[in-house]
Amino acid sequence: MADHLKVPANKVEGCVSQVWLSLEVKADGLIYWVADSDSQLTKGLAALLVQGLSGCRPEEVVALNPSFIELLGLKQSLTPSRNNGFFNMLRLMQRKAAMVIAANREGEVTEKRVEAKTANGEARVI
């Protein structure tokens, strides 16, 4: 992940470690994720989400039920704080995907990056 993407709008809140997530929207409307963390374990958890959710339609990301976390056995394998961080990563990805949907409705998204502008869910296409 490029350093210029490590901005507050991409930072995952509620994680023990520093974690950033950003996305890119391709011309076909699919989204691709990048992530980074200062912790190897958290970097690996973020990579699970990046690999699993890259190439999805934004609607698929938003609709994803977080119950898959238990089905994978992650909840039982991680400390409560790491579980919370993983859940917060997923929630940030879902919020960003929802912003892409909103921006698409306004005709603003092609192959541009979509970043959070404010904590209240507004979107900015750059």
C-alpha atoms as a PDB file:
ATOM      1  CA  MET A   1       0.000   0.000   0.000  1.00  0.00           C
ATOM      2  CA  ALA A   2       1.397   3.369  -0.974  1.00  0.00           C
ATOM      3  CA  ASP A   3       2.125   5.774   1.871  1.00  0.00           C
ATOM      4  CA  HIS A   4      -0.150   8.477   0.407  1.00  0.00           C
ATOM      5  CA  LEU A   5      -3.113   6.144   1.075  1.00  0.00           C
ATOM      6  CA  LYS A   6      -2.317   5.912   4.791  1.00  0.00           C
ATOM      7  CA  VAL A   7      -4.662   8.737   5.717  1.00  0.00           C
ATOM      8  CA  PRO A   8      -7.244   8.991   8.515  1.00  0.00           C
ATOM      9  CA  ALA A   9     -10.118   8.187   6.136  1.00  0.00           C
ATOM     10  CA  ASN A  10      -8.501   4.801   5.389  1.00  0.00           C
ATOM     11  CA  LYS A  11      -7.531   3.960   8.961  1.00  0.00           C
ATOM     12  CA  VAL A  12      -9.448   1.182  10.682  1.00  0.00           C
ATOM     13  CA  GLU A  13     -10.678   2.397  14.048  1.00  0.00           C
ATOM     14  CA  GLY A  14     -10.869   0.028  16.984  1.00  0.00           C
ATOM     15  CA  CYS A  15      -7.843  -2.089  16.092  1.00  0.00           C
ATOM     16  CA  VAL A  16      -4.993  -2.826  18.461  1.00  0.00           C
ATOM     17  CA  SER A  17      -2.600  -2.237  15.551  1.00  0.00           C
ATOM     18  CA  GLN A  18      -2.452   0.468  12.899  1.00  0.00           C
ATOM     19  CA  VAL A  19      -4.452  -0.743   9.884  1.00  0.00           C
ATOM     20  CA  TRP A  20      -5.344   1.036   6.645  1.00  0.00           C
ATOM     21  CA  LEU A  21      -7.697  -0.111   3.868  1.00  0.00           C
ATOM     22  CA  SER A  22      -8.274   1.523   0.500  1.00  0.00           C
ATOM     23  CA  LEU A  23     -10.013   0.501  -2.684  1.00  0.00           C
ATOM     24  CA  GLU A  24      -9.883   1.086  -6.382  1.00  0.00           C
ATOM     25  CA  VAL A  25     -12.881   0.876  -8.699  1.00  0.00           C
ATOM     26  CA  LYS A  26     -12.094  -0.583 -12.109  1.00  0.00           C
ATOM     27  CA  ALA A  27     -13.900   0.270 -15.350  1.00  0.00           C
ATOM     28  CA  ASP A  28     -16.067  -2.849 -15.021  1.00  0.00           C
ATOM     29  CA  GLY A  29     -17.370  -1.589 -11.672  1.00  0.00           C
ATOM     30  CA  LEU A  30     -15.551  -4.178  -9.600  1.00  0.00           C
ATOM     31  CA  ILE A  31     -13.587  -3.060  -6.574  1.00  0.00           C
ATOM     32  CA  TYR A  32     -10.060  -4.059  -5.596  1.00  0.00           C
ATOM     33  CA  TRP A  33      -8.631  -3.575  -2.139  1.00  0.00           C
ATOM     34  CA  VAL A  34      -5.220  -2.806  -0.695  1.00  0.00           C
ATOM     35  CA  ALA A  35      -4.309  -2.892   2.979  1.00  0.00           C
ATOM     36  CA  ASP A  36      -1.363  -2.461   5.290  1.00  0.00           C
ATOM     37  CA  SER A  37      -0.654  -2.747   8.981  1.00  0.00           C
ATOM     38  CA  ASP A  38       2.224  -2.298  11.377  1.00  0.00           C
ATOM     39  CA  SER A  39       1.575  -5.817  12.742  1.00  0.00           C
ATOM     40  CA  GLN A  40       2.300  -9.023  10.839  1.00  0.00           C
ATOM     41  CA  LEU A  41      -0.728 -10.797  12.313  1.00  0.00           C
ATOM     42  CA  THR A  42      -3.068  -7.948  11.456  1.00  0.00           C
ATOM     43  CA  LYS A  43      -1.504  -7.638   8.011  1.00  0.00           C
ATOM     44  CA  GLY A  44      -2.389 -11.297   7.470  1.00  0.00           C
ATOM     45  CA  LEU A  45      -5.960 -10.811   8.661  1.00  0.00           C
ATOM     46  CA  ALA A  46      -6.347  -7.816   6.352  1.00  0.00           C
ATOM     47  CA  ALA A  47      -4.932  -9.912   3.489  1.00  0.00           C
ATOM     48  CA  LEU A  48      -7.717 -12.470   4.008  1.00  0.00           C
ATOM     49  CA  LEU A  49     -10.286  -9.752   3.444  1.00  0.00           C
ATOM     50  CA  VAL A  50      -8.368  -8.137   0.575  1.00  0.00           C
ATOM     51  CA  GLN A  51      -8.063 -11.471  -1.254  1.00  0.00           C
ATOM     52  CA  GLY A  52     -11.633 -12.500  -0.529  1.00  0.00           C
ATOM     53  CA  LEU A  53     -13.313  -9.221  -1.438  1.00  0.00           C
ATOM     54  CA  SER A  54     -11.198  -7.964  -4.345  1.00  0.00           C
ATOM     55  CA  GLY A  55     -12.971  -8.415  -7.645  1.00  0.00           C
ATOM     56  CA  CYS A  56     -16.425  -8.170  -6.072  1.00  0.00           C
ATOM     57  CA  ARG A  57     -19.221  -5.828  -6.928  1.00  0.00           C
ATOM     58  CA  PRO A  58     -19.748  -3.190  -4.220  1.00  0.00           C
ATOM     59  CA  GLU A  59     -23.218  -4.604  -3.548  1.00  0.00           C
ATOM     60  CA  GLU A  60     -21.689  -8.001  -2.741  1.00  0.00           C
ATOM     61  CA  VAL A  61     -19.350  -6.473  -0.181  1.00  0.00           C
ATOM     62  CA  VAL A  62     -22.150  -4.511   1.474  1.00  0.00           C
ATOM     63  CA  ALA A  63     -24.392  -7.601   1.622  1.00  0.00           C
ATOM     64  CA  LEU A  64     -21.727  -9.870   3.145  1.00  0.00           C
ATOM     65  CA  ASN A  65     -22.902 -11.350   6.434  1.00  0.00           C
ATOM     66  CA  PRO A  66     -20.121 -11.269   9.046  1.00  0.00           C
ATOM     67  CA  SER A  67     -21.126 -14.743  10.241  1.00  0.00           C
ATOM     68  CA  PHE A  68     -18.417 -16.108   7.930  1.00  0.00           C
ATOM     69  CA  ILE A  69     -15.931 -15.067  10.639  1.00  0.00           C
ATOM     70  CA  GLU A  70     -17.279 -17.796  12.924  1.00  0.00           C
ATOM     71  CA  LEU A  71     -17.649 -20.297  10.073  1.00  0.00           C
ATOM     72  CA  LEU A  72     -13.931 -19.929   9.286  1.00  0.00           C
ATOM     73  CA  GLY A  73     -13.047 -20.535  12.923  1.00  0.00           C
ATOM     74  CA  LEU A  74     -11.373 -17.163  13.254  1.00  0.00           C
ATOM     75  CA  LYS A  75     -13.462 -16.086  16.219  1.00  0.00           C
ATOM     76  CA  GLN A  76     -12.268 -19.058  18.233  1.00  0.00           C
ATOM     77  CA  SER A  77      -8.647 -18.623  17.148  1.00  0.00           C
ATOM     78  CA  LEU A  78      -8.163 -14.924  17.863  1.00  0.00           C
ATOM     79  CA  THR A  79      -8.200 -12.838  21.005  1.00  0.00           C
ATOM     80  CA  PRO A  80     -11.304 -10.710  21.532  1.00  0.00           C
ATOM     81  CA  SER A  81      -9.402  -7.541  20.564  1.00  0.00           C
ATOM     82  CA  ARG A  82      -8.150  -9.131  17.307  1.00  0.00           C
ATOM     83  CA  ASN A  83     -11.677 -10.372  16.547  1.00  0.00           C
ATOM     84  CA  ASN A  84     -12.972  -6.870  17.072  1.00  0.00           C
ATOM     85  CA  GLY A  85     -10.265  -5.470  14.792  1.00  0.00           C
ATOM     86  CA  PHE A  86     -11.080  -7.986  12.042  1.00  0.00           C
ATOM     87  CA  PHE A  87     -14.770  -7.107  12.313  1.00  0.00           C
ATOM     88  CA  ASN A  88     -13.898  -3.388  12.128  1.00  0.00           C
ATOM     89  CA  MET A  89     -11.839  -4.013   8.975  1.00  0.00           C
ATOM     90  CA  LEU A  90     -14.845  -5.694   7.369  1.00  0.00           C
ATOM     91  CA  ARG A  91     -17.172  -2.893   8.442  1.00  0.00           C
ATOM     92  CA  LEU A  92     -14.858  -0.231   6.965  1.00  0.00           C
ATOM     93  CA  MET A  93     -14.763  -2.166   3.693  1.00  0.00           C
ATOM     94  CA  GLN A  94     -18.547  -2.320   3.695  1.00  0.00           C
ATOM     95  CA  ARG A  95     -18.835   1.421   4.369  1.00  0.00           C
ATOM     96  CA  LYS A  96     -16.404   2.200   1.553  1.00  0.00           C
ATOM     97  CA  ALA A  97     -18.300  -0.131  -0.804  1.00  0.00           C
ATOM     98  CA  ALA A  98     -21.538   1.637   0.141  1.00  0.00           C
ATOM     99  CA  MET A  99     -19.900   4.947  -0.760  1.00  0.00           C
ATOM    100  CA  VAL A 100     -19.014   3.522  -4.176  1.00  0.00           C
ATOM    101  CA  ILE A 101     -22.669   2.537  -4.678  1.00  0.00           C
ATOM    102  CA  ALA A 102     -23.764   6.054  -3.736  1.00  0.00           C
ATOM    103  CA  ALA A 103     -21.158   7.623  -6.027  1.00  0.00           C
ATOM    104  CA  ASN A 104     -22.238   5.308  -8.882  1.00  0.00           C
ATOM    105  CA  ARG A 105     -25.802   6.562  -8.509  1.00  0.00           C
ATOM    106  CA  GLU A 106     -24.488  10.065  -9.048  1.00  0.00           C
ATOM    107  CA  GLY A 107     -22.450   8.938 -12.079  1.00  0.00           C
ATOM    108  CA  GLU A 108     -19.110   9.829 -10.501  1.00  0.00           C
ATOM    109  CA  VAL A 109     -17.188   6.558 -10.495  1.00  0.00           C
ATOM    110  CA  THR A 110     -15.135   5.124 -13.338  1.00  0.00           C
ATOM    111  CA  GLU A 111     -11.545   3.990 -12.740  1.00  0.00           C
ATOM    112  CA  LYS A 112     -10.998   6.406  -9.885  1.00  0.00           C
ATOM    113  CA  ARG A 113     -10.248   5.975  -6.218  1.00  0.00           C
ATOM    114  CA  VAL A 114     -13.056   6.496  -3.757  1.00  0.00           C
ATOM    115  CA  GLU A 115     -12.088   7.717  -0.302  1.00  0.00           C
ATOM    116  CA  ALA A 116     -14.077   8.627   2.768  1.00  0.00           C
ATOM    117  CA  LYS A 117     -14.404  12.372   3.178  1.00  0.00           C
ATOM    118  CA  THR A 118     -15.950  12.505   6.623  1.00  0.00           C
ATOM    119  CA  ALA A 119     -16.924  10.149   9.395  1.00  0.00           C
ATOM    120  CA  ASN A 120     -20.605  10.598   8.557  1.00  0.00           C
ATOM    121  CA  GLY A 121     -20.297   8.611   5.331  1.00  0.00           C
ATOM    122  CA  GLU A 122     -19.917  11.258   2.651  1.00  0.00           C
ATOM    123  CA  ALA A 123     -17.813  10.144  -0.302  1.00  0.00           C
ATOM    124  CA  ARG A 124     -15.202  11.855  -2.398  1.00  0.00           C
ATOM    125  CA  VAL A 125     -13.975  10.515  -5.727  1.00  0.00           C
ATOM    126  CA  ILE A 126     -10.362  11.400  -6.472  1.00  0.00           C
END
